[in-house]
Every structure is written in C-alpha cells, then in structure tokens.
Amino acid sequence: MAHMIIAGKACQAISGQTLEVRSPVDGLVFEHIPRGDAKDIDAAVRAARAALSGEWGNLSATERGRLMMKLSFLVTEHAEELALLEARDTGKPMTTARNDMVVLARYFEFFGGAADKVHGEVIPFLNGYQVNLLREPLGVTAHIIPWNYPAQMMGRSIAPALAMGNAVVVKPAEDACLSCLRIAELALLAGFPAGALNIVSGIGEEAGAALANHPDINFISFTGSNEVGVLIQQAAAKHAVKCTLELGGKSPHLVFEDANLELAATTVVRGIIQNTGQTCTAGSRLLVQQSIYDRFVALVAEKFKQVRVGTPEMNLDCGPVVNPSQQQRVNRFIEQAKAAGYPVLAQGQIDPGVPAAGYYVTPTLFGHVPNDSPLAQQEVFGPVLAAMSFTDEAHAIALANGTDYGLLAAVWSENGGTQQRVAKALKCGQVFINSFGAGGGVELPFGGVKRSGHGREKGFLALEEMSTTKTVVQFHG
C-alpha cells in the first residue's frame, strides 16, 4: 500500500481509511492510497511550519539548490520506475510517461541551479540612506496537483517553491497520485529535512478543501477546473494569501494560407492527441483561412485517421482517459456535436486488443463547427478537435479571442508581419509561431489570462511568484 509523507516519515491517514486506485487501462483496482483528511493536512502544515524554523529554514540557498540537484539525479535514476507508476495510474503511453520524467528531473535541475541566483536590489534614495530590497520565502505553500500530468505538475509547482526556501504541502489528485507519493520518498532519500516536503493523498472535498482553507498557509498553487478555482480564490482571500491558478484553456491554431501546411497538419494532430487530449494547453480549436480550408482540413483528416488508441504497453498515440466520468464527458461532447449536425471529418481507431472495461474514447475531428457551439467554447479535455474557417486576419483574431479562455495559441504563417501582429493581438499567456507546445518548456513563463487563471509558473517568474520582498531602509547620516 502506498503511503503519505508528513514530517519526514511515511504514514497512513490518521483515520486509517484508504481509497481504491483503479487502472484506466482495464478498470481494475490495483493499489490503495491513504484517504487523508483535515487532521492529516493540519499535521502536514504544522510539520512544514516547524521546518521553516528548523533545519530547512537554516539552510543557505546554495545548500537548498544542492538538495534539489540530488533529487533531480534520483528522479533520473528511478525514471523507469516512475514512468511505469505514471502509466499504470493515468493510462498514458509509456513514451509519454518516460518523457514526463525527463521534464520532472529538469524542473528540479533548473530551479535547483537557480536557488542561489535570486538576488536582492539596492535602491538609490535620499542622501544619508541605504535602501536594500530583500527577496524572501513566503512560508508554507500549498500545492494542489491535477491528475493529467501528476509528476510533471508536482515538479512544476514545488520546485520553485523549494528553491526559494518555502516549506511545501502537496495534495495530489486522488485519481492519479502514485508517482507524486514516490517523488516525496525520493526527496527524503536526497536528504531533504523533515517537513520541507509533505504530501497528503485524499479526496479533493476533504483533504484539498482543508489545505486551501487552512489558516496557517501563505500561498496556494492550484491547477484544475474553473469551478474549483473559484473556491480556491475564495479560500485564499479569506486568509489574505496569494494564489496561482491554472484553470484550463481552449487553445487555437490559426493557420494562414501561406503556412507550411504539412508541418502545421502534423503538429495540429499531435497537439490534440497528446495525453489523449487531457492537457490544459491542448490545441482543441483549428482556425483555417477560408482559401485553404478544404485542402488543409483534408490533410489533417488523413493524419487523424492514422491515430491509434491502446494500452500503455502498446505505446500508441493515445491511452484511455483517466476515469469513467471523464470518458462519459468526452463521449457526451462527441454525441452532442453529431446530433447538432457537425460533420465528422475523421476518427482515430481504438485497438481491438484493449480491455473492454477500460476508459477509452475515439479521437474525433469535426468540421465547420460554429464558434458559439459548446464544442468551440467549452474545454472537452479529450482528443476532440473542432475546425472552422476565417476570412482574414481580423476575423482570425476575433475567433481566437472569442472564448472565456486564454492560455496558449499557435500562429502558422511564413509572413513576419502576420506573425507579429497576430501574436500581439491574441489574448493568452503563450503564443507559438510555426510550432506548438514546448516539450515541458521549464524555462518559459507559463500561465493564462481570462478564465484560464492568473499568476505565472516556470522560468524565473515562478521564483518571484513563490517569494515576497522586504524593503529595508537604513538612515546612516
């Protein structure tokens, strides 16, 4: 049975309760995790607070960075073990799971190397004064991790927090958290002091809500749905702490008539089937200039027909989705779109050898989807792509910006003027030109606008999010 880590020790829930872990591959129970609740969260927060006033808080930035580098090495050493856990827990192909561990190790490497590179400032002021701006940790930071990329998301969230000297409490998603629990064990093996990194598994409404509402945390990082994001913000406001929210997206590809169509088509398909579409940055909207719409969409359709769905060991393009409710959600979008009369241009194929009880869905490409339809406006979180046409640059921008989301977008054009004008006009946190996604992109600031959330993760901006400043003004005459 898996266990949690609190105050440097492996433990079960205080209540003794557990949760079943079902594999999305075949629907069978293969593990149990502790069902932590408010009591366990309180113990974890107290352990983190003690760590700040103890060994962890007394480490220099250089020493923190070295511990993080050790953890990066351990992740690399145990990458296959972690990938197998991730694939069994989430259903993703082994290639994807292995890549996730490469990115995870990179998070600890990048932020471990950055730990002693964050400097304060000297501010010119009045004669007779010395003014220093210090950058300090926030304190105890709370991290609520989603199920689509458990290991990657844990690294993305906690690495900058630890680099800045915060003590962290992690609540991973109950649907997929085995890799996260193992990472916490590896942190102890790396030599992290007790309480620096605590992890409590459990249900969101119990452990997650208790963590977000705990009066002794100083920051909340959350990735998940808009509905829960609102609750997180309300909890943060209650205790006047800041939060970083990443709440999904409806990311568009804007394909202009002068684009490299072969490269664009290959990337478009890859961008929606990655992780079976269970990706906040999934390129779920395909906006194509009217003059090339039929030709380009036909090219995408041919590639879409080649998409194959299978078990992790089959190592195909997609695995199952994470649970039955997600399977029902994706299939509901597909059936509603069909009922509305949107043409199905292509579908991938589920391998006949997959277990019948697994949570598999058919990747589907729809054409001529109206911009006001649910398929064009709502996050499906599955391998479903909605294609529509635009007339000119202004129309493309209006369609791209015409949702409540603003996380990521791609511009496909060989014209430098088009590239720059459109990139500046798009309302989102990241824009890719003639590419899509960053393969982890640990160095690149990431986050959204509008209902995609606020705050920035990744890159040096994440270190600013995970710290605060203190202005010291000294009169020396």
Protein backbone atom coordinates (compact mmCIF):
# COMPACT_ATOMS: atom_id res chain seq x y z
CA MET A 1 0.00 0.00 0.00
CA ALA A 2 1.22 3.48 -0.85
CA HIS A 3 1.81 5.96 1.96
CA MET A 4 2.00 9.69 2.59
CA ILE A 5 5.00 11.68 3.82
CA ILE A 6 4.50 14.03 6.79
CA ALA A 7 7.32 15.47 8.89
CA GLY A 8 9.85 13.27 7.13
CA LYS A 9 8.05 10.00 7.88
CA ALA A 10 6.00 7.58 5.83
CA CYS A 11 2.50 7.27 7.27
CA GLN A 12 -1.08 6.27 6.66
CA ALA A 13 -4.09 8.51 7.25
CA ILE A 14 -4.86 9.23 10.88
CA SER A 15 -8.35 7.83 10.30
CA GLY A 16 -6.91 4.63 8.86
CA GLN A 17 -9.14 4.98 5.81
CA THR A 18 -7.93 4.25 2.28
CA LEU A 19 -9.04 4.82 -1.30
CA GLU A 20 -9.02 2.31 -4.15
CA VAL A 21 -6.82 3.07 -7.14
CA ARG A 22 -8.35 1.82 -10.38
CA SER A 23 -6.40 1.50 -13.59
CA PRO A 24 -7.99 3.36 -16.52
CA VAL A 25 -6.49 0.65 -18.72
CA ASP A 26 -8.87 -2.09 -17.50
CA GLY A 27 -10.96 -0.56 -14.71
CA LEU A 28 -9.47 -2.89 -12.08
CA VAL A 29 -8.28 -1.95 -8.58
CA PHE A 30 -4.51 -2.41 -8.36
CA GLU A 31 -3.48 -0.28 -5.36
CA HIS A 32 -4.75 1.61 -2.33
CA ILE A 33 -3.76 5.09 -1.12
CA PRO A 34 -4.36 6.78 2.25
CA ARG A 35 -7.56 8.82 2.50
CA GLY A 36 -6.11 11.82 4.28
CA ASP A 37 -8.42 14.48 5.69
CA ALA A 38 -8.29 17.73 7.66
CA LYS A 39 -6.36 16.13 10.54
CA ASP A 40 -3.62 14.90 8.22
CA ILE A 41 -3.48 18.27 6.46
CA ASP A 42 -3.11 20.03 9.79
CA ALA A 43 -0.26 17.71 10.76
CA ALA A 44 1.45 18.40 7.43
CA VAL A 45 1.09 22.18 7.76
CA ARG A 46 2.45 22.08 11.30
CA ALA A 47 5.39 20.00 10.09
CA ALA A 48 6.09 22.50 7.32
CA ARG A 49 5.94 25.41 9.76
CA ALA A 50 8.37 23.63 12.09
CA ALA A 51 10.74 23.00 9.19
CA LEU A 52 10.89 26.72 8.43
CA SER A 53 12.10 27.49 11.95
CA GLY A 54 14.37 24.46 12.00
CA GLU A 55 16.86 22.73 9.72
CA TRP A 56 15.20 23.59 6.39
CA GLY A 57 14.87 27.28 7.22
CA ASN A 58 18.52 27.46 8.27
CA LEU A 59 19.91 26.10 5.00
CA SER A 60 21.60 28.51 2.63
CA ALA A 61 20.26 28.94 -0.88
CA THR A 62 23.27 27.02 -2.19
CA GLU A 63 22.52 24.09 0.12
CA ARG A 64 18.86 24.07 -0.96
CA GLY A 65 19.94 24.03 -4.57
CA ARG A 66 22.27 21.08 -4.00
CA LEU A 67 19.46 19.06 -2.42
CA MET A 68 17.27 19.80 -5.42
CA MET A 69 20.01 18.71 -7.79
CA LYS A 70 20.31 15.45 -5.83
CA LEU A 71 16.57 14.94 -6.24
CA SER A 72 16.91 15.58 -9.97
CA PHE A 73 19.57 12.86 -10.18
CA LEU A 74 17.40 10.44 -8.19
CA VAL A 75 14.43 11.08 -10.49
CA THR A 76 16.66 10.24 -13.45
CA GLU A 77 17.92 7.08 -11.71
CA HIS A 78 14.37 5.97 -10.95
CA ALA A 79 12.83 7.28 -14.18
CA GLU A 80 11.64 3.90 -15.46
CA GLU A 81 10.05 3.01 -12.12
CA LEU A 82 8.29 6.39 -12.01
CA ALA A 83 7.18 6.12 -15.62
CA LEU A 84 5.65 2.69 -15.01
CA LEU A 85 3.74 4.08 -12.00
CA GLU A 86 2.56 7.06 -14.04
CA ALA A 87 1.45 4.95 -16.99
CA ARG A 88 -0.45 2.46 -14.83
CA ASP A 89 -2.08 5.26 -12.84
CA THR A 90 -3.06 7.51 -15.76
CA GLY A 91 -3.16 5.12 -18.73
CA LYS A 92 -0.82 7.24 -20.85
CA PRO A 93 1.57 5.56 -23.34
CA MET A 94 4.96 4.65 -21.92
CA THR A 95 6.71 7.06 -24.28
CA THR A 96 4.69 9.93 -22.80
CA ALA A 97 5.27 8.74 -19.23
CA ARG A 98 9.02 8.47 -19.80
CA ASN A 99 9.13 11.95 -21.27
CA ASP A 100 7.26 13.26 -18.23
CA MET A 101 10.08 12.01 -16.00
CA VAL A 102 12.68 13.76 -18.14
CA VAL A 103 10.77 17.01 -17.66
CA LEU A 104 10.31 16.33 -13.93
CA ALA A 105 14.06 15.93 -13.45
CA ARG A 106 14.61 19.13 -15.43
CA TYR A 107 12.35 21.10 -13.06
CA PHE A 108 14.49 20.18 -10.07
CA GLU A 109 17.68 20.74 -12.07
CA PHE A 110 16.63 24.18 -13.37
CA PHE A 111 15.26 25.54 -10.11
CA GLY A 112 17.99 23.87 -8.06
CA GLY A 113 20.52 25.73 -10.16
CA ALA A 114 18.55 28.95 -9.78
CA ALA A 115 18.21 28.77 -5.99
CA ASP A 116 21.29 30.90 -5.27
CA LYS A 117 20.91 33.13 -8.33
CA VAL A 118 18.00 35.18 -6.96
CA HIS A 119 19.43 38.48 -5.80
CA GLY A 120 18.07 41.46 -3.94
CA GLU A 121 18.49 45.07 -5.01
CA VAL A 122 19.98 48.32 -3.75
CA ILE A 123 17.60 51.20 -4.42
CA PRO A 124 19.01 54.73 -4.82
CA PHE A 125 17.30 57.02 -2.30
CA LEU A 126 17.95 60.18 -0.33
CA ASN A 127 21.42 61.14 0.79
CA GLY A 128 22.19 59.56 4.14
CA TYR A 129 20.07 56.44 3.47
CA GLN A 130 20.84 52.88 2.40
CA VAL A 131 17.87 51.00 0.96
CA ASN A 132 18.01 47.24 0.31
CA LEU A 133 15.28 45.16 -1.27
CA LEU A 134 15.40 41.60 0.05
CA ARG A 135 13.65 38.63 -1.56
CA GLU A 136 12.36 36.11 0.99
CA PRO A 137 10.26 32.92 1.07
CA LEU A 138 6.51 33.19 1.60
CA GLY A 139 6.45 30.49 4.29
CA VAL A 140 4.24 27.41 3.98
CA THR A 141 2.99 26.92 0.43
CA ALA A 142 0.09 24.67 -0.57
CA HIS A 143 0.12 22.80 -3.88
CA ILE A 144 -2.99 21.08 -5.26
CA ILE A 145 -1.94 18.90 -8.19
CA PRO A 146 -4.16 17.60 -11.06
CA TRP A 147 -4.32 14.06 -12.42
CA ASN A 148 -3.35 14.56 -16.06
CA TYR A 149 0.42 15.04 -15.53
CA PRO A 150 0.90 14.23 -11.83
CA ALA A 151 4.70 14.02 -11.77
CA GLN A 152 5.31 16.92 -14.14
CA MET A 153 2.81 19.16 -12.38
CA MET A 154 4.26 18.37 -8.98
CA GLY A 155 7.71 19.35 -10.19
CA ARG A 156 6.41 22.49 -11.88
CA SER A 157 4.66 23.61 -8.72
CA ILE A 158 7.00 22.67 -5.87
CA ALA A 159 10.45 23.15 -7.45
CA PRO A 160 10.38 26.98 -7.47
CA ALA A 161 8.76 27.00 -4.02
CA LEU A 162 11.53 24.85 -2.55
CA ALA A 163 14.21 26.82 -4.38
CA MET A 164 13.02 29.99 -2.66
CA GLY A 165 13.09 28.32 0.77
CA ASN A 166 9.40 27.68 1.32
CA ALA A 167 8.21 24.51 3.06
CA VAL A 168 5.54 22.77 0.99
CA VAL A 169 2.40 20.71 1.49
CA VAL A 170 1.18 18.81 -1.57
CA LYS A 171 -2.27 17.41 -2.13
CA PRO A 172 -2.19 15.31 -5.34
CA ALA A 173 -5.30 14.24 -7.23
CA GLU A 174 -6.92 11.09 -5.90
CA ASP A 175 -7.36 9.78 -9.46
CA ALA A 176 -3.61 9.60 -10.11
CA CYS A 177 -1.01 10.28 -7.44
CA LEU A 178 1.29 7.27 -7.13
CA SER A 179 4.20 8.98 -8.86
CA CYS A 180 3.80 12.01 -6.59
CA LEU A 181 3.95 9.86 -3.45
CA ARG A 182 7.09 8.19 -4.77
CA ILE A 183 8.72 11.55 -5.57
CA ALA A 184 8.22 12.57 -1.93
CA GLU A 185 10.04 9.40 -0.87
CA LEU A 186 12.91 10.24 -3.22
CA ALA A 187 13.12 13.73 -1.68
CA LEU A 188 13.78 12.13 1.71
CA LEU A 189 16.39 9.90 0.12
CA ALA A 190 18.02 13.02 -1.35
CA GLY A 191 18.34 14.42 2.18
CA PHE A 192 15.56 16.97 2.40
CA PRO A 193 14.99 17.83 6.08
CA ALA A 194 11.82 16.64 7.77
CA GLY A 195 8.86 18.85 6.99
CA ALA A 196 10.37 20.59 3.95
CA LEU A 197 8.18 18.48 1.64
CA ASN A 198 4.94 16.94 2.91
CA ILE A 199 2.35 15.10 0.82
CA VAL A 200 -1.19 14.12 1.80
CA SER A 201 -3.35 11.99 -0.50
CA GLY A 202 -7.12 12.07 -0.29
CA ILE A 203 -10.33 13.39 -1.79
CA GLY A 204 -10.46 16.97 -3.03
CA GLU A 205 -13.54 17.85 -0.99
CA GLU A 206 -11.81 16.61 2.17
CA ALA A 207 -8.03 16.97 2.04
CA GLY A 208 -7.91 19.53 -0.78
CA ALA A 209 -10.50 21.81 0.79
CA ALA A 210 -8.82 21.50 4.19
CA LEU A 211 -5.48 22.54 2.71
CA ALA A 212 -6.87 25.52 0.79
CA ASN A 213 -8.75 26.73 3.86
CA HIS A 214 -6.00 26.13 6.42
CA PRO A 215 -5.29 29.36 8.34
CA ASP A 216 -1.53 28.79 8.52
CA ILE A 217 -0.62 28.56 4.84
CA ASN A 218 0.90 31.50 2.99
CA PHE A 219 0.27 30.66 -0.66
CA ILE A 220 -1.84 28.30 -2.82
CA SER A 221 -0.91 26.85 -6.21
CA PHE A 222 -3.80 25.14 -8.00
CA THR A 223 -4.25 23.58 -11.42
CA GLY A 224 -7.70 22.29 -12.29
CA SER A 225 -11.23 23.30 -13.19
CA ASN A 226 -12.73 26.78 -13.16
CA GLU A 227 -15.33 25.73 -10.62
CA VAL A 228 -12.75 24.60 -8.08
CA GLY A 229 -10.51 27.55 -8.98
CA VAL A 230 -13.22 29.92 -7.75
CA LEU A 231 -13.34 28.05 -4.43
CA ILE A 232 -9.55 28.23 -4.17
CA GLN A 233 -9.60 32.00 -4.69
CA GLN A 234 -12.29 32.41 -2.07
CA ALA A 235 -10.26 30.36 0.41
CA ALA A 236 -7.12 32.37 -0.36
CA ALA A 237 -8.98 35.65 0.07
CA LYS A 238 -10.29 34.55 3.45
CA HIS A 239 -6.75 34.43 4.81
CA ALA A 240 -5.32 37.19 2.58
CA VAL A 241 -2.82 34.92 0.83
CA LYS A 242 -1.98 34.94 -2.85
CA CYS A 243 -2.60 32.10 -5.25
CA THR A 244 -1.54 30.96 -8.69
CA LEU A 245 -4.35 29.41 -10.74
CA GLU A 246 -4.10 27.48 -13.99
CA LEU A 247 -7.66 26.68 -14.99
CA GLY A 248 -7.55 25.23 -18.48
CA GLY A 249 -7.90 26.52 -21.99
CA LYS A 250 -9.43 26.32 -25.43
CA SER A 251 -6.24 26.87 -27.37
CA PRO A 252 -6.47 27.73 -31.09
CA HIS A 253 -4.25 27.08 -34.09
CA LEU A 254 -4.52 29.94 -36.59
CA VAL A 255 -3.47 28.58 -39.99
CA PHE A 256 -2.99 31.21 -42.71
CA GLU A 257 -2.86 30.46 -46.44
CA ASP A 258 0.93 30.92 -46.65
CA ALA A 259 1.67 28.41 -43.86
CA ASN A 260 3.79 25.29 -44.21
CA LEU A 261 0.74 23.04 -44.40
CA GLU A 262 2.48 19.69 -43.93
CA LEU A 263 4.28 20.83 -40.77
CA ALA A 264 1.14 22.54 -39.47
CA ALA A 265 -1.07 19.49 -40.07
CA THR A 266 1.32 17.11 -38.30
CA THR A 267 1.66 19.48 -35.34
CA VAL A 268 -2.08 20.15 -35.12
CA VAL A 269 -2.85 16.44 -34.78
CA ARG A 270 -0.09 15.91 -32.25
CA GLY A 271 -1.34 18.90 -30.24
CA ILE A 272 -4.80 17.43 -29.67
CA ILE A 273 -3.96 13.75 -29.14
CA GLN A 274 -1.09 14.42 -26.71
CA ASN A 275 -2.01 12.74 -23.41
CA THR A 276 -5.33 11.76 -25.02
CA GLY A 277 -6.30 15.43 -25.14
CA GLN A 278 -6.20 15.65 -21.34
CA THR A 279 -3.99 18.71 -21.46
CA CYS A 280 -4.84 22.27 -20.47
CA THR A 281 -2.90 23.54 -23.47
CA ALA A 282 -4.44 21.09 -25.95
CA GLY A 283 -4.88 22.68 -29.37
CA SER A 284 -8.59 21.96 -29.47
CA ARG A 285 -9.64 24.62 -31.99
CA LEU A 286 -8.41 24.67 -35.59
CA LEU A 287 -8.96 28.02 -37.33
CA VAL A 288 -8.08 27.85 -41.03
CA GLN A 289 -8.13 30.60 -43.67
CA GLN A 290 -11.07 30.07 -45.99
CA SER A 291 -8.95 29.91 -49.16
CA ILE A 292 -7.16 26.75 -47.96
CA TYR A 293 -9.77 25.35 -45.58
CA ASP A 294 -10.84 22.30 -47.63
CA ARG A 295 -7.29 21.38 -48.64
CA PHE A 296 -5.78 21.77 -45.21
CA VAL A 297 -8.57 20.12 -43.25
CA ALA A 298 -8.42 17.16 -45.63
CA LEU A 299 -4.70 16.86 -44.88
CA VAL A 300 -5.39 16.94 -41.14
CA ALA A 301 -8.16 14.36 -41.58
CA GLU A 302 -5.80 11.91 -43.29
CA LYS A 303 -3.38 12.15 -40.40
CA PHE A 304 -6.22 11.92 -37.87
CA LYS A 305 -7.37 8.63 -39.36
CA GLN A 306 -3.96 7.15 -38.52
CA VAL A 307 -4.28 7.90 -34.77
CA ARG A 308 -4.36 4.74 -32.67
CA VAL A 309 -5.55 4.26 -29.09
CA GLY A 310 -4.25 1.49 -26.83
CA THR A 311 -2.78 0.46 -23.50
CA PRO A 312 0.45 1.99 -22.16
CA GLU A 313 2.45 -1.09 -23.20
CA MET A 314 1.20 -0.82 -26.79
CA ASN A 315 2.86 2.61 -26.87
CA LEU A 316 0.44 4.01 -29.44
CA ASP A 317 -0.71 7.62 -29.91
CA CYS A 318 -3.27 7.72 -27.09
CA GLY A 319 -4.18 5.80 -23.99
CA PRO A 320 -7.50 5.73 -22.13
CA VAL A 321 -8.86 8.76 -20.32
CA VAL A 322 -8.43 8.78 -16.57
CA ASN A 323 -11.82 7.67 -15.20
CA PRO A 324 -15.42 6.78 -16.17
CA SER A 325 -16.76 10.30 -15.64
CA GLN A 326 -14.12 11.71 -17.98
CA GLN A 327 -14.98 9.04 -20.54
CA GLN A 328 -18.65 9.97 -20.30
CA ARG A 329 -17.86 13.68 -20.58
CA VAL A 330 -15.81 13.32 -23.76
CA ASN A 331 -18.32 10.97 -25.37
CA ARG A 332 -21.13 13.38 -24.48
CA PHE A 333 -19.40 16.20 -26.37
CA ILE A 334 -18.93 13.91 -29.37
CA GLU A 335 -22.54 12.74 -29.42
CA GLN A 336 -23.92 16.25 -28.96
CA ALA A 337 -21.80 17.53 -31.85
CA LYS A 338 -23.01 14.71 -34.06
CA ALA A 339 -26.62 15.40 -33.07
CA ALA A 340 -26.12 19.08 -33.93
CA GLY A 341 -25.09 18.05 -37.44
CA TYR A 342 -21.42 18.96 -37.37
CA PRO A 343 -19.67 16.75 -39.95
CA VAL A 344 -17.26 14.13 -38.66
CA LEU A 345 -14.23 14.51 -40.92
CA ALA A 346 -12.12 11.75 -39.38
CA GLN A 347 -11.78 9.47 -36.40
CA GLY A 348 -8.90 7.54 -34.91
CA GLN A 349 -9.15 3.88 -34.03
CA ILE A 350 -9.21 2.08 -30.69
CA ASP A 351 -7.04 -1.03 -30.89
CA PRO A 352 -9.22 -4.17 -30.73
CA GLY A 353 -6.87 -5.65 -28.12
CA VAL A 354 -7.66 -3.15 -25.35
CA PRO A 355 -9.56 -4.39 -22.26
CA ALA A 356 -13.29 -3.88 -22.68
CA ALA A 357 -13.64 -2.33 -19.22
CA GLY A 358 -11.01 0.36 -19.87
CA TYR A 359 -11.89 4.03 -20.26
CA TYR A 360 -11.20 4.51 -23.97
CA VAL A 361 -12.60 7.19 -26.28
CA THR A 362 -12.37 7.64 -30.05
CA PRO A 363 -10.33 10.65 -31.24
CA THR A 364 -12.62 12.72 -33.46
CA LEU A 365 -12.22 15.64 -35.89
CA PHE A 366 -15.28 17.80 -36.56
CA GLY A 367 -15.54 20.32 -39.39
CA HIS A 368 -17.41 23.60 -39.84
CA VAL A 369 -18.06 23.93 -36.11
CA PRO A 370 -19.95 27.15 -35.23
CA ASN A 371 -17.98 29.45 -32.96
CA ASP A 372 -20.87 29.74 -30.49
CA SER A 373 -21.25 25.96 -30.05
CA PRO A 374 -20.24 24.12 -26.87
CA LEU A 375 -17.58 22.25 -28.83
CA ALA A 376 -15.93 25.55 -29.77
CA GLN A 377 -16.36 27.24 -26.40
CA GLN A 378 -16.01 24.61 -23.67
CA GLU A 379 -12.99 22.59 -22.64
CA VAL A 380 -13.60 18.96 -23.64
CA PHE A 381 -10.34 17.65 -22.13
CA GLY A 382 -10.22 14.83 -24.63
CA PRO A 383 -8.97 14.09 -28.18
CA VAL A 384 -11.67 16.10 -29.96
CA LEU A 385 -10.73 18.79 -32.50
CA ALA A 386 -13.11 21.47 -33.81
CA ALA A 387 -12.27 23.02 -37.20
CA MET A 388 -13.68 26.30 -38.51
CA SER A 389 -12.72 28.83 -41.17
CA PHE A 390 -11.84 32.53 -41.14
CA THR A 391 -11.72 35.11 -43.91
CA ASP A 392 -8.88 37.43 -42.94
CA GLU A 393 -6.50 38.35 -40.12
CA ALA A 394 -9.05 40.39 -38.18
CA HIS A 395 -11.59 37.58 -38.37
CA ALA A 396 -8.99 35.03 -37.22
CA ILE A 397 -8.08 37.15 -34.19
CA ALA A 398 -11.73 37.66 -33.28
CA LEU A 399 -12.41 33.91 -33.40
CA ALA A 400 -9.24 33.07 -31.47
CA ASN A 401 -10.09 35.57 -28.72
CA GLY A 402 -13.77 34.67 -28.74
CA THR A 403 -13.81 32.31 -25.75
CA ASP A 404 -13.58 32.77 -21.99
CA TYR A 405 -10.14 31.13 -22.02
CA GLY A 406 -6.68 32.48 -22.80
CA LEU A 407 -3.86 30.02 -22.15
CA LEU A 408 -1.99 29.25 -25.36
CA ALA A 409 -2.23 29.75 -29.14
CA ALA A 410 -0.27 28.99 -32.30
CA VAL A 411 0.15 31.15 -35.41
CA TRP A 412 1.00 29.39 -38.68
CA SER A 413 2.31 31.76 -41.34
CA GLU A 414 5.55 32.45 -43.21
CA ASN A 415 4.88 36.23 -43.17
CA GLY A 416 6.79 38.00 -40.39
CA GLY A 417 4.32 40.85 -40.22
CA THR A 418 1.38 38.47 -39.83
CA GLN A 419 3.24 36.54 -37.18
CA GLN A 420 3.95 39.59 -35.04
CA ARG A 421 0.63 41.38 -35.49
CA VAL A 422 -1.42 38.30 -34.64
CA ALA A 423 0.82 37.23 -31.74
CA LYS A 424 0.43 40.66 -30.13
CA ALA A 425 -3.33 40.68 -30.66
CA LEU A 426 -4.01 37.26 -29.14
CA LYS A 427 -5.26 37.30 -25.54
CA CYS A 428 -3.35 34.43 -23.95
CA GLY A 429 -0.28 33.62 -21.88
CA GLN A 430 1.86 31.93 -24.55
CA VAL A 431 1.96 32.19 -28.34
CA PHE A 432 3.90 29.80 -30.56
CA ILE A 433 4.78 30.73 -34.14
CA ASN A 434 5.04 27.81 -36.58
CA SER A 435 5.18 25.40 -33.66
CA PHE A 436 3.01 24.33 -30.75
CA GLY A 437 3.96 23.46 -27.19
CA ALA A 438 7.41 23.45 -25.66
CA GLY A 439 8.12 19.86 -24.63
CA GLY A 440 7.98 20.88 -20.98
CA GLY A 441 9.35 24.38 -21.51
CA VAL A 442 10.69 24.58 -17.96
CA GLU A 443 12.47 27.88 -18.69
CA LEU A 444 9.44 29.58 -20.27
CA PRO A 445 7.00 31.55 -18.07
CA PHE A 446 3.58 29.90 -18.30
CA GLY A 447 0.07 30.88 -17.27
CA GLY A 448 -3.18 32.25 -18.56
CA VAL A 449 -5.47 35.22 -18.77
CA LYS A 450 -9.25 35.48 -18.50
CA ARG A 451 -10.77 32.25 -17.15
CA SER A 452 -7.55 30.36 -17.77
CA GLY A 453 -6.31 31.78 -14.49
CA HIS A 454 -3.58 34.09 -13.27
CA GLY A 455 -0.04 34.03 -11.98
CA ARG A 456 2.98 32.52 -13.71
CA GLU A 457 4.73 29.19 -13.33
CA LYS A 458 8.01 28.03 -14.94
CA GLY A 459 11.06 30.18 -15.60
CA PHE A 460 12.42 32.86 -13.30
CA LEU A 461 8.98 34.45 -12.94
CA ALA A 462 7.95 31.40 -10.89
CA LEU A 463 10.61 32.31 -8.33
CA GLU A 464 9.02 35.73 -7.99
CA GLU A 465 5.58 34.16 -7.51
CA MET A 466 6.95 31.90 -4.78
CA SER A 467 8.60 34.70 -2.80
CA THR A 468 7.97 38.14 -1.39
CA THR A 469 10.07 41.26 -0.92
CA LYS A 470 11.11 43.21 2.13
CA THR A 471 12.35 46.80 1.88
CA VAL A 472 14.99 47.69 4.46
CA VAL A 473 15.60 51.45 4.84
CA GLN A 474 18.60 52.49 6.92
CA PHE A 475 19.50 56.07 7.89
CA HIS A 476 23.23 56.36 8.37
CA GLY A 477 23.63 60.14 8.33
